Amino acid sequence: MKSDLSNHINIGKETEIKLIQVGIDSFEKLKAIGSKQAFIRLQTIDPGACLSLLYGLDGAVNGIRWNELSPERKQALQQFYKMTRIQ
């Protein structure tokens, strides 16, 4: 399936494939769902989904590189990651 996801910042081909597998096949859908819900979906097919992936998704949704997320945003995402981690 064709997608525009990998045309956006922080989203490579592998992430694009996984997003499509969980029903997120366009950037508009990713933005509508949000980085946190997209990450939860990705965890269902990739239990090893890491914090860096969450940062990347959040940066993509906000149109910035993941390493430009504010320290406060990174801290909030870290807390979310710890709460949703699949053991």
Protein backbone atom coordinates (compact mmCIF):
# COMPACT_ATOMS: atom_id res chain seq x y z
CA MET A 1 0.00 0.00 0.00
CA LYS A 2 1.25 3.46 -0.86
CA SER A 3 1.68 5.86 2.02
CA ASP A 4 3.06 9.33 2.59
CA LEU A 5 4.35 8.51 6.06
CA SER A 6 8.05 8.14 5.24
CA ASN A 7 7.99 11.52 3.53
CA HIS A 8 7.74 13.07 6.99
CA ILE A 9 10.42 13.79 9.53
CA ASN A 10 11.46 10.95 11.89
CA ILE A 11 9.57 8.25 9.97
CA GLY A 12 11.67 5.74 8.09
CA LYS A 13 10.56 2.88 5.88
CA GLU A 14 10.50 0.33 8.73
CA THR A 15 8.33 2.53 10.93
CA GLU A 16 6.10 3.27 7.96
CA ILE A 17 5.56 -0.46 7.35
CA LYS A 18 4.69 -1.04 11.00
CA LEU A 19 2.30 1.92 11.11
CA ILE A 20 0.49 0.58 8.05
CA GLN A 21 0.24 -2.83 9.74
CA VAL A 22 -1.62 -1.25 12.66
CA GLY A 23 -4.01 0.68 10.45
CA ILE A 24 -2.23 4.02 10.24
CA ASP A 25 -1.68 4.41 6.52
CA SER A 26 -1.39 8.18 6.16
CA PHE A 27 0.18 11.10 7.95
CA GLU A 28 -3.29 12.58 8.48
CA LYS A 29 -4.31 9.44 10.37
CA LEU A 30 -1.13 9.58 12.45
CA LYS A 31 -1.83 13.20 13.38
CA ALA A 32 -5.48 12.41 14.20
CA ILE A 33 -4.57 9.41 16.35
CA GLY A 34 -1.59 11.10 17.98
CA SER A 35 1.81 9.79 18.90
CA LYS A 36 0.76 8.06 22.12
CA GLN A 37 -2.10 6.05 20.63
CA ALA A 38 0.02 5.20 17.58
CA PHE A 39 2.74 3.94 19.92
CA ILE A 40 0.27 1.76 21.82
CA ARG A 41 -0.86 0.25 18.53
CA LEU A 42 2.74 -0.38 17.50
CA GLN A 43 3.41 -2.18 20.78
CA THR A 44 0.79 -4.78 19.80
CA ILE A 45 2.98 -5.93 16.90
CA ASP A 46 6.37 -4.93 18.31
CA PRO A 47 6.67 -5.52 22.06
CA GLY A 48 10.21 -4.13 21.83
CA ALA A 49 8.98 -0.71 20.70
CA CYS A 50 11.35 1.72 22.38
CA LEU A 51 11.27 5.20 23.83
CA SER A 52 13.15 6.52 20.79
CA LEU A 53 10.27 5.38 18.57
CA LEU A 54 7.82 7.27 20.77
CA TYR A 55 10.02 10.38 20.58
CA GLY A 56 10.17 10.02 16.80
CA LEU A 57 6.41 9.69 16.44
CA ASP A 58 5.82 12.68 18.68
CA GLY A 59 8.32 14.76 16.77
CA ALA A 60 6.75 13.71 13.46
CA VAL A 61 3.28 14.72 14.60
CA ASN A 62 4.68 18.10 15.68
CA GLY A 63 6.87 18.56 12.59
CA ILE A 64 10.20 18.59 14.42
CA ARG A 65 13.15 16.27 14.83
CA TRP A 66 12.79 14.04 17.85
CA ASN A 67 15.91 15.51 19.48
CA GLU A 68 14.32 18.97 19.37
CA LEU A 69 11.49 17.96 21.70
CA SER A 70 11.56 20.05 24.85
CA PRO A 71 12.93 18.47 28.03
CA GLU A 72 9.44 18.74 29.55
CA ARG A 73 7.87 16.92 26.61
CA LYS A 74 10.54 14.21 26.74
CA GLN A 75 9.87 13.75 30.45
CA ALA A 76 6.11 13.43 29.83
CA LEU A 77 6.77 10.88 27.09
CA GLN A 78 9.13 8.95 29.37
CA GLN A 79 6.39 8.70 32.01
CA PHE A 80 3.89 7.56 29.37
CA TYR A 81 6.38 4.99 28.07
CA LYS A 82 6.91 3.54 31.56
CA MET A 83 3.15 3.25 32.09
CA THR A 84 2.50 1.50 28.79
CA ARG A 85 5.50 -0.76 28.55
CA ILE A 86 4.56 -4.33 27.81
CA GLN A 87 6.40 -6.65 30.14
